PDB file of N, CA and C in Angstrom:
ATOM      1  N   UNK A   1      -8.392  12.159  17.060  1.00  0.00           N
ATOM      2  CA  UNK A   1      -7.316  11.421  16.716  1.00  0.00           C
ATOM      3  C   UNK A   1      -6.677  12.580  16.677  1.00  0.00           C
ATOM      4  N   UNK A   2      -5.155  12.390  17.226  1.00  0.00           N
ATOM      5  CA  UNK A   2      -4.346  13.477  17.047  1.00  0.00           C
ATOM      6  C   UNK A   2      -3.366  13.401  15.749  1.00  0.00           C
ATOM      7  N   UNK A   3      -2.702  14.491  15.150  1.00  0.00           N
ATOM      8  CA  UNK A   3      -2.136  14.617  13.909  1.00  0.00           C
ATOM      9  C   UNK A   3      -1.174  13.533  13.712  1.00  0.00           C
ATOM     10  N   UNK A   4      -0.366  13.183  14.942  1.00  0.00           N
ATOM     11  CA  UNK A   4       0.644  12.099  15.033  1.00  0.00           C
ATOM     12  C   UNK A   4       0.063  10.703  14.796  1.00  0.00           C
ATOM     13  N   UNK A   5      -1.124  10.418  15.359  1.00  0.00           N
ATOM     14  CA  UNK A   5      -1.618   9.229  15.129  1.00  0.00           C
ATOM     15  C   UNK A   5      -2.299   9.011  13.537  1.00  0.00           C
ATOM     16  N   UNK A   6      -2.593  10.294  13.007  1.00  0.00           N
ATOM     17  CA  UNK A   6      -3.121   9.920  11.743  1.00  0.00           C
ATOM     18  C   UNK A   6      -1.855   9.981  10.951  1.00  0.00           C
ATOM     19  N   UNK A   7      -0.819  10.723  11.100  1.00  0.00           N
ATOM     20  CA  UNK A   7       0.453  10.339  10.231  1.00  0.00           C
ATOM     21  C   UNK A   7       0.892   8.994  10.455  1.00  0.00           C
ATOM     22  N   UNK A   8       0.705   8.382  11.726  1.00  0.00           N
ATOM     23  CA  UNK A   8       1.195   6.954  11.743  1.00  0.00           C
ATOM     24  C   UNK A   8       0.362   6.152  10.786  1.00  0.00           C
ATOM     25  N   UNK A   9      -0.725   6.331  10.962  1.00  0.00           N
ATOM     26  CA  UNK A   9      -1.885   5.592  10.465  1.00  0.00           C
ATOM     27  C   UNK A   9      -1.531   5.275   8.670  1.00  0.00           C
ATOM     28  N   UNK A  10      -1.303   6.698   8.335  1.00  0.00           N
ATOM     29  CA  UNK A  10      -1.138   7.063   6.918  1.00  0.00           C
ATOM     30  C   UNK A  10       0.220   6.288   6.645  1.00  0.00           C
ATOM     31  N   UNK A  11       1.223   6.460   7.222  1.00  0.00           N
ATOM     32  CA  UNK A  11       2.636   5.799   7.178  1.00  0.00           C
ATOM     33  C   UNK A  11       2.494   4.302   7.037  1.00  0.00           C
ATOM     34  N   UNK A  12       1.735   3.701   7.909  1.00  0.00           N
ATOM     35  CA  UNK A  12       1.627   2.327   7.691  1.00  0.00           C
ATOM     36  C   UNK A  12       0.776   1.955   6.187  1.00  0.00           C
ATOM     37  N   UNK A  13      -0.315   2.473   6.270  1.00  0.00           N
ATOM     38  CA  UNK A  13      -0.921   2.398   4.756  1.00  0.00           C
ATOM     39  C   UNK A  13      -0.048   2.590   3.758  1.00  0.00           C
ATOM     40  N   UNK A  14       0.775   3.790   3.556  1.00  0.00           N
ATOM     41  CA  UNK A  14       1.568   3.938   2.463  1.00  0.00           C
ATOM     42  C   UNK A  14       2.591   2.764   2.280  1.00  0.00           C
ATOM     43  N   UNK A  15       3.238   2.139   3.357  1.00  0.00           N
ATOM     44  CA  UNK A  15       4.081   0.979   3.193  1.00  0.00           C
ATOM     45  C   UNK A  15       3.553  -0.352   2.652  1.00  0.00           C
ATOM     46  N   UNK A  16       2.160  -0.492   3.022  1.00  0.00           N
ATOM     47  CA  UNK A  16       1.409  -1.519   2.679  1.00  0.00           C
ATOM     48  C   UNK A  16       1.029  -1.429   1.106  1.00  0.00           C
ATOM     49  N   UNK A  17       0.730  -0.082   0.770  1.00  0.00           N
ATOM     50  CA  UNK A  17       0.336  -0.090  -0.413  1.00  0.00           C
ATOM     51  C   UNK A  17       1.660  -0.099  -1.565  1.00  0.00           C
ATOM     52  N   UNK A  18       2.648   0.370  -0.962  1.00  0.00           N
ATOM     53  CA  UNK A  18       3.756   0.250  -1.922  1.00  0.00           C
ATOM     54  C   UNK A  18       3.913  -1.003  -2.286  1.00  0.00           C
ATOM     55  N   UNK A  19       3.778  -2.165  -1.385  1.00  0.00           N
ATOM     56  CA  UNK A  19       4.228  -3.594  -2.049  1.00  0.00           C
ATOM     57  C   UNK A  19       3.029  -4.156  -3.005  1.00  0.00           C
ATOM     58  N   UNK A  20       1.934  -3.197  -3.105  1.00  0.00           N
ATOM     59  CA  UNK A  20       0.956  -3.658  -4.138  1.00  0.00           C
ATOM     60  C   UNK A  20       1.291  -2.788  -5.190  1.00  0.00           C
ATOM     61  N   UNK A  21       1.760  -1.515  -5.133  1.00  0.00           N
ATOM     62  CA  UNK A  21       2.061  -0.814  -6.328  1.00  0.00           C
ATOM     63  C   UNK A  21       3.307  -1.317  -7.344  1.00  0.00           C
ATOM     64  N   UNK A  22       4.081  -1.816  -6.532  1.00  0.00           N
ATOM     65  CA  UNK A  22       5.703  -1.808  -7.237  1.00  0.00           C
ATOM     66  C   UNK A  22       5.666  -2.892  -8.457  1.00  0.00           C
ATOM     67  N   UNK A  23       4.892  -3.836  -8.354  1.00  0.00           N
ATOM     68  CA  UNK A  23       4.665  -4.977  -9.600  1.00  0.00           C
ATOM     69  C   UNK A  23       4.301  -4.490 -10.720  1.00  0.00           C
ATOM     70  N   UNK A  24       3.528  -3.206 -10.744  1.00  0.00           N
ATOM     71  CA  UNK A  24       2.731  -3.081 -11.793  1.00  0.00           C
ATOM     72  C   UNK A  24       3.644  -2.503 -13.073  1.00  0.00           C
ATOM     73  N   UNK A  25       3.569  -2.697 -14.092  1.00  0.00           N
ATOM     74  CA  UNK A  25       4.163  -2.153 -15.369  1.00  0.00           C
ATOM     75  C   UNK A  25       5.667  -2.364 -15.394  1.00  0.00           C
ATOM     76  N   UNK A  26       6.038  -3.706 -14.797  1.00  0.00           N
ATOM     77  CA  UNK A  26       7.506  -3.844 -14.765  1.00  0.00           C
ATOM     78  C   UNK A  26       7.709  -4.866 -15.863  1.00  0.00           C
ATOM     79  N   UNK A  27       8.720  -4.526 -16.613  1.00  0.00           N
ATOM     80  CA  UNK A  27       9.131  -5.550 -17.627  1.00  0.00           C
ATOM     81  C   UNK A  27      10.237  -5.751 -17.385  1.00  0.00           C
ATOM     82  N   UNK A  28      10.685  -7.242 -17.275  1.00  0.00           N
ATOM     83  CA  UNK A  28      12.291  -7.646 -16.986  1.00  0.00           C
ATOM     84  C   UNK A  28      13.096  -7.601 -18.117  1.00  0.00           C
ATOM     85  N   UNK A  29      14.411  -7.903 -18.088  1.00  0.00           N
ATOM     86  CA  UNK A  29      15.309  -7.947 -18.719  1.00  0.00           C
ATOM     87  C   UNK A  29      15.219  -9.041 -20.046  1.00  0.00           C
ATOM     88  N   UNK A  30      14.541 -10.175 -19.438  1.00  0.00           N
ATOM     89  CA  UNK A  30      14.543 -11.196 -20.491  1.00  0.00           C
ATOM     90  C   UNK A  30      13.300 -10.900 -21.107  1.00  0.00           C
ATOM     91  N   UNK A  31      11.989 -10.203 -20.605  1.00  0.00           N
ATOM     92  CA  UNK A  31      11.424 -10.156 -21.381  1.00  0.00           C
ATOM     93  C   UNK A  31      11.433  -8.784 -23.047  1.00  0.00           C
ATOM     94  N   UNK A  32      12.028  -8.053 -22.373  1.00  0.00           N
ATOM     95  CA  UNK A  32      12.516  -7.174 -23.159  1.00  0.00           C
ATOM     96  C   UNK A  32      13.689  -7.407 -24.140  1.00  0.00           C
ATOM     97  N   UNK A  33      14.230  -8.686 -23.881  1.00  0.00           N
ATOM     98  CA  UNK A  33      15.544  -9.088 -24.880  1.00  0.00           C
ATOM     99  C   UNK A  33      16.664  -8.167 -24.771  1.00  0.00           C
ATOM    100  N   UNK A  34      16.877  -7.380 -24.095  1.00  0.00           N
ATOM    101  CA  UNK A  34      18.135  -6.576 -23.488  1.00  0.00           C
ATOM    102  C   UNK A  34      18.863  -7.000 -22.377  1.00  0.00           C
ATOM    103  N   UNK A  35      19.021  -7.997 -22.061  1.00  0.00           N
ATOM    104  CA  UNK A  35      19.700  -8.427 -20.916  1.00  0.00           C
ATOM    105  C   UNK A  35      21.240  -8.083 -21.087  1.00  0.00           C
ATOM    106  N   UNK A  36      21.672  -7.404 -19.733  1.00  0.00           N
ATOM    107  CA  UNK A  36      22.956  -6.997 -19.546  1.00  0.00           C
ATOM    108  C   UNK A  36      23.771  -7.831 -18.745  1.00  0.00           C
ATOM    109  N   UNK A  37      25.094  -8.111 -19.382  1.00  0.00           N
ATOM    110  CA  UNK A  37      25.896  -9.003 -18.709  1.00  0.00           C
ATOM    111  C   UNK A  37      26.137  -8.867 -17.105  1.00  0.00           C
ATOM    112  N   UNK A  38      25.987  -9.829 -16.307  1.00  0.00           N
ATOM    113  CA  UNK A  38      26.167  -9.859 -15.012  1.00  0.00           C
ATOM    114  C   UNK A  38      24.747  -9.486 -14.299  1.00  0.00           C
ATOM    115  N   UNK A  39      23.816  -9.178 -14.964  1.00  0.00           N
ATOM    116  CA  UNK A  39      22.686  -8.777 -14.004  1.00  0.00           C
ATOM    117  C   UNK A  39      21.506 -10.173 -14.163  1.00  0.00           C
ATOM    118  N   UNK A  40      20.723 -10.123 -13.304  1.00  0.00           N
ATOM    119  CA  UNK A  40      19.866 -11.195 -13.102  1.00  0.00           C
ATOM    120  C   UNK A  40      18.764 -10.871 -14.368  1.00  0.00           C
ATOM    121  N   UNK A  41      18.178 -12.068 -15.084  1.00  0.00           N
ATOM    122  CA  UNK A  41      17.350 -11.672 -16.180  1.00  0.00           C
ATOM    123  C   UNK A  41      15.941 -11.099 -15.678  1.00  0.00           C
ATOM    124  N   UNK A  42      15.684 -11.414 -14.585  1.00  0.00           N
ATOM    125  CA  UNK A  42      14.537 -10.886 -13.931  1.00  0.00           C
ATOM    126  C   UNK A  42      14.443  -9.357 -13.269  1.00  0.00           C
ATOM    127  N   UNK A  43      15.681  -8.691 -13.647  1.00  0.00           N
ATOM    128  CA  UNK A  43      15.964  -7.275 -13.274  1.00  0.00           C
ATOM    129  C   UNK A  43      15.068  -6.329 -14.168  1.00  0.00           C
ATOM    130  N   UNK A  44      14.458  -5.445 -13.571  1.00  0.00           N
ATOM    131  CA  UNK A  44      13.471  -4.529 -14.317  1.00  0.00           C
ATOM    132  C   UNK A  44      14.296  -3.651 -15.464  1.00  0.00           C
ATOM    133  N   UNK A  45      13.846  -3.524 -16.514  1.00  0.00           N
ATOM    134  CA  UNK A  45      14.541  -2.603 -17.324  1.00  0.00           C
ATOM    135  C   UNK A  45      14.322  -1.048 -16.904  1.00  0.00           C
ATOM    136  N   UNK A  46      13.204  -0.508 -16.780  1.00  0.00           N
ATOM    137  CA  UNK A  46      12.853   0.714 -16.509  1.00  0.00           C
ATOM    138  C   UNK A  46      11.965   0.923 -15.464  1.00  0.00           C
ATOM    139  N   UNK A  47      12.047   0.856 -14.071  1.00  0.00           N
ATOM    140  CA  UNK A  47      11.438   0.655 -12.984  1.00  0.00           C
ATOM    141  C   UNK A  47      10.360   2.071 -12.883  1.00  0.00           C
ATOM    142  N   UNK A  48      10.977   2.998 -13.006  1.00  0.00           N
ATOM    143  CA  UNK A  48      10.078   4.419 -12.837  1.00  0.00           C
ATOM    144  C   UNK A  48       9.556   4.481 -11.739  1.00  0.00           C
ATOM    145  N   UNK A  49      10.392   4.306 -10.519  1.00  0.00           N
ATOM    146  CA  UNK A  49      10.448   4.164  -9.344  1.00  0.00           C
ATOM    147  C   UNK A  49       9.739   5.731  -8.941  1.00  0.00           C
ATOM    148  N   UNK A  50      10.191   6.884  -9.239  1.00  0.00           N
ATOM    149  CA  UNK A  50       9.570   8.284  -8.876  1.00  0.00           C
ATOM    150  C   UNK A  50       7.916   8.226  -9.141  1.00  0.00           C
ATOM    151  N   UNK A  51       7.727   7.456 -10.382  1.00  0.00           N
ATOM    152  CA  UNK A  51       6.106   7.580 -10.747  1.00  0.00           C
ATOM    153  C   UNK A  51       5.443   6.669  -9.994  1.00  0.00           C
ATOM    154  N   UNK A  52       6.039   5.602  -9.570  1.00  0.00           N
ATOM    155  CA  UNK A  52       5.406   4.597  -8.680  1.00  0.00           C
ATOM    156  C   UNK A  52       5.278   5.068  -7.458  1.00  0.00           C
ATOM    157  N   UNK A  53       6.114   5.960  -6.908  1.00  0.00           N
ATOM    158  CA  UNK A  53       6.152   6.600  -5.420  1.00  0.00           C
ATOM    159  C   UNK A  53       4.754   7.696  -5.283  1.00  0.00           C
ATOM    160  N   UNK A  54       4.803   8.375  -6.441  1.00  0.00           N
ATOM    161  CA  UNK A  54       3.626   9.137  -6.779  1.00  0.00           C
ATOM    162  C   UNK A  54       2.279   8.698  -6.828  1.00  0.00           C
ATOM    163  N   UNK A  55       2.134   7.538  -7.561  1.00  0.00           N
ATOM    164  CA  UNK A  55       0.952   6.883  -7.646  1.00  0.00           C
ATOM    165  C   UNK A  55       0.898   5.908  -6.120  1.00  0.00           C
ATOM    166  N   UNK A  56       1.702   5.571  -5.741  1.00  0.00           N
ATOM    167  CA  UNK A  56       1.618   4.884  -4.183  1.00  0.00           C
ATOM    168  C   UNK A  56       1.067   5.836  -3.334  1.00  0.00           C
ATOM    169  N   UNK A  57       1.447   7.244  -3.473  1.00  0.00           N
ATOM    170  CA  UNK A  57       1.146   8.132  -2.483  1.00  0.00           C
ATOM    171  C   UNK A  57      -0.508   8.724  -2.606  1.00  0.00           C
ATOM    172  N   UNK A  58      -0.921   8.618  -3.964  1.00  0.00           N
ATOM    173  CA  UNK A  58      -2.223   9.000  -4.157  1.00  0.00           C
ATOM    174  C   UNK A  58      -3.201   7.649  -3.701  1.00  0.00           C
ATOM    175  N   UNK A  59      -2.642   6.604  -3.843  1.00  0.00           N
ATOM    176  CA  UNK A  59      -3.467   5.490  -3.583  1.00  0.00           C
ATOM    177  C   UNK A  59      -3.387   5.348  -2.154  1.00  0.00           C
ATOM    178  N   UNK A  60      -2.386   5.532  -1.320  1.00  0.00           N
ATOM    179  CA  UNK A  60      -2.448   5.503   0.105  1.00  0.00           C
ATOM    180  C   UNK A  60      -3.388   6.688   0.693  1.00  0.00           C
ATOM    181  N   UNK A  61      -3.411   8.054  -0.032  1.00  0.00           N
ATOM    182  CA  UNK A  61      -4.112   8.860   0.456  1.00  0.00           C
ATOM    183  C   UNK A  61      -5.678   8.682   0.366  1.00  0.00           C
ATOM    184  N   UNK A  62      -6.076   7.802  -0.836  1.00  0.00           N
ATOM    185  CA  UNK A  62      -7.253   7.286  -0.934  1.00  0.00           C
ATOM    186  C   UNK A  62      -7.742   6.518   0.199  1.00  0.00           C
ATOM    187  N   UNK A  63      -6.912   5.372   0.210  1.00  0.00           N
ATOM    188  CA  UNK A  63      -7.167   4.314   1.349  1.00  0.00           C
ATOM    189  C   UNK A  63      -7.327   4.972   2.744  1.00  0.00           C
ATOM    190  N   UNK A  64      -6.298   6.009   2.869  1.00  0.00           N
ATOM    191  CA  UNK A  64      -6.528   6.512   4.304  1.00  0.00           C
ATOM    192  C   UNK A  64      -7.928   7.292   4.472  1.00  0.00           C
ATOM    193  N   UNK A  65      -8.138   7.896   3.284  1.00  0.00           N
ATOM    194  CA  UNK A  65      -9.545   8.779   3.450  1.00  0.00           C
ATOM    195  C   UNK A  65     -10.542   7.954   3.694  1.00  0.00           C
ATOM    196  N   UNK A  66     -10.596   6.716   2.967  1.00  0.00           N
ATOM    197  CA  UNK A  66     -11.922   5.770   3.282  1.00  0.00           C
ATOM    198  C   UNK A  66     -11.566   5.287   4.774  1.00  0.00           C
ATOM    199  N   UNK A  67     -10.626   4.827   5.360  1.00  0.00           N
ATOM    200  CA  UNK A  67     -10.303   4.617   6.712  1.00  0.00           C
ATOM    201  C   UNK A  67     -10.885   5.571   7.660  1.00  0.00           C
ATOM    202  N   UNK A  68     -10.398   6.813   7.278  1.00  0.00           N
ATOM    203  CA  UNK A  68     -10.864   7.904   8.044  1.00  0.00           C
ATOM    204  C   UNK A  68     -12.339   8.165   8.238  1.00  0.00           C
ATOM    205  N   UNK A  69     -13.000   8.213   7.170  1.00  0.00           N
ATOM    206  CA  UNK A  69     -14.598   8.226   6.866  1.00  0.00           C
ATOM    207  C   UNK A  69     -15.248   7.082   7.779  1.00  0.00           C
ATOM    208  N   UNK A  70     -14.838   5.677   7.602  1.00  0.00           N
ATOM    209  CA  UNK A  70     -15.306   4.631   8.174  1.00  0.00           C
ATOM    210  C   UNK A  70     -15.100   4.843   9.667  1.00  0.00           C
ATOM    211  N   UNK A  71     -13.905   5.171  10.127  1.00  0.00           N
ATOM    212  CA  UNK A  71     -13.678   5.059  11.711  1.00  0.00           C
ATOM    213  C   UNK A  71     -14.170   6.301  12.317  1.00  0.00           C
ATOM    214  N   UNK A  72     -14.034   7.618  11.521  1.00  0.00           N
ATOM    215  CA  UNK A  72     -14.426   8.950  12.262  1.00  0.00           C
ATOM    216  C   UNK A  72     -15.772   9.290  11.951  1.00  0.00           C
ATOM    217  N   UNK A  73     -16.315   9.386  10.827  1.00  0.00           N
ATOM    218  CA  UNK A  73     -17.615   9.675  10.284  1.00  0.00           C
ATOM    219  C   UNK A  73     -18.621   8.573  10.658  1.00  0.00           C
ATOM    220  N   UNK A  74     -18.393   7.505  10.263  1.00  0.00           N
ATOM    221  CA  UNK A  74     -19.599   6.407  10.377  1.00  0.00           C
ATOM    222  C   UNK A  74     -19.461   6.114  11.838  1.00  0.00           C
ATOM    223  N   UNK A  75     -18.175   6.053  12.506  1.00  0.00           N
ATOM    224  CA  UNK A  75     -18.141   5.476  13.848  1.00  0.00           C
ATOM    225  C   UNK A  75     -17.776   3.967  14.129  1.00  0.00           C
ATOM    226  N   UNK A  76     -17.310   3.332  13.197  1.00  0.00           N
ATOM    227  CA  UNK A  76     -17.236   1.848  13.119  1.00  0.00           C
ATOM    228  C   UNK A  76     -15.765   1.912  13.425  1.00  0.00           C
ATOM    229  N   UNK A  77     -15.554   0.704  14.625  1.00  0.00           N
ATOM    230  CA  UNK A  77     -14.191   0.247  14.744  1.00  0.00           C
ATOM    231  C   UNK A  77     -14.174  -0.983  15.117  1.00  0.00           C
ATOM    232  N   UNK A  78     -12.936  -1.490  15.853  1.00  0.00           N
ATOM    233  CA  UNK A  78     -12.911  -2.897  16.287  1.00  0.00           C
ATOM    234  C   UNK A  78     -13.790  -3.376  16.931  1.00  0.00           C
ATOM    235  N   UNK A  79     -14.549  -2.684  17.957  1.00  0.00           N
ATOM    236  CA  UNK A  79     -15.501  -3.172  18.694  1.00  0.00           C
ATOM    237  C   UNK A  79     -16.747  -3.517  17.777  1.00  0.00           C
ATOM    238  N   UNK A  80     -16.803  -2.906  16.816  1.00  0.00           N
ATOM    239  CA  UNK A  80     -17.956  -3.099  15.773  1.00  0.00           C
ATOM    240  C   UNK A  80     -17.935  -4.362  15.113  1.00  0.00           C
ATOM    241  N   UNK A  81     -16.867  -5.118  14.988  1.00  0.00           N
ATOM    242  CA  UNK A  81     -16.894  -6.452  14.382  1.00  0.00           C
ATOM    243  C   UNK A  81     -17.313  -7.401  15.348  1.00  0.00           C
ATOM    244  N   UNK A  82     -17.947  -8.422  14.710  1.00  0.00           N
ATOM    245  CA  UNK A  82     -18.543  -9.629  15.340  1.00  0.00           C
ATOM    246  C   UNK A  82     -17.533 -10.319  15.943  1.00  0.00           C
ATOM    247  N   UNK A  83     -17.627 -10.667  17.271  1.00  0.00           N
ATOM    248  CA  UNK A  83     -16.927 -11.672  17.848  1.00  0.00           C
ATOM    249  C   UNK A  83     -16.817 -13.039  17.596  1.00  0.00           C
ATOM    250  N   UNK A  84     -15.685 -13.708  17.548  1.00  0.00           N
ATOM    251  CA  UNK A  84     -15.720 -15.136  17.300  1.00  0.00           C
ATOM    252  C   UNK A  84     -15.567 -15.928  18.596  1.00  0.00           C
ATOM    253  N   UNK A  85     -15.541 -15.165  19.698  1.00  0.00           N
ATOM    254  CA  UNK A  85     -15.588 -15.849  20.931  1.00  0.00           C
ATOM    255  C   UNK A  85     -16.821 -15.569  21.690  1.00  0.00           C
ATOM    256  N   UNK A  86     -17.486 -16.353  22.540  1.00  0.00           N
ATOM    257  CA  UNK A  86     -18.617 -16.211  23.108  1.00  0.00           C
ATOM    258  C   UNK A  86     -18.246 -14.910  24.332  1.00  0.00           C
ATOM    259  N   UNK A  87     -19.135 -14.158  24.695  1.00  0.00           N
ATOM    260  CA  UNK A  87     -18.707 -13.189  25.726  1.00  0.00           C
ATOM    261  C   UNK A  87     -19.287 -13.804  26.873  1.00  0.00           C
ATOM    262  N   UNK A  88     -18.452 -13.373  28.092  1.00  0.00           N
ATOM    263  CA  UNK A  88     -18.643 -14.020  29.461  1.00  0.00           C
ATOM    264  C   UNK A  88     -20.173 -13.322  29.874  1.00  0.00           C
ATOM    265  N   UNK A  89     -20.701 -14.039  30.477  1.00  0.00           N
ATOM    266  CA  UNK A  89     -22.031 -13.583  30.991  1.00  0.00           C
ATOM    267  C   UNK A  89     -22.183 -13.882  32.501  1.00  0.00           C
TER     268      UNK A  89
END
């Protein structure tokens, strides 16, 4: 696998895990009781985006390491999955 391919896979994993990490630890303005006029009640009070981006980078790195181990070291790939369609004989 080339470095570019590894980066592309990591980038895709990073974006997917971002949507998993973003909702954790969010407190809305309605829950906090400090709603600012002109804002949505569901808007976050303190989203801490830099912290979430760091956590997301670590989680994506872990997922990428597992993916790399399974595909490169153990040798599993898309052809290792059972097929739902019968093979032509």
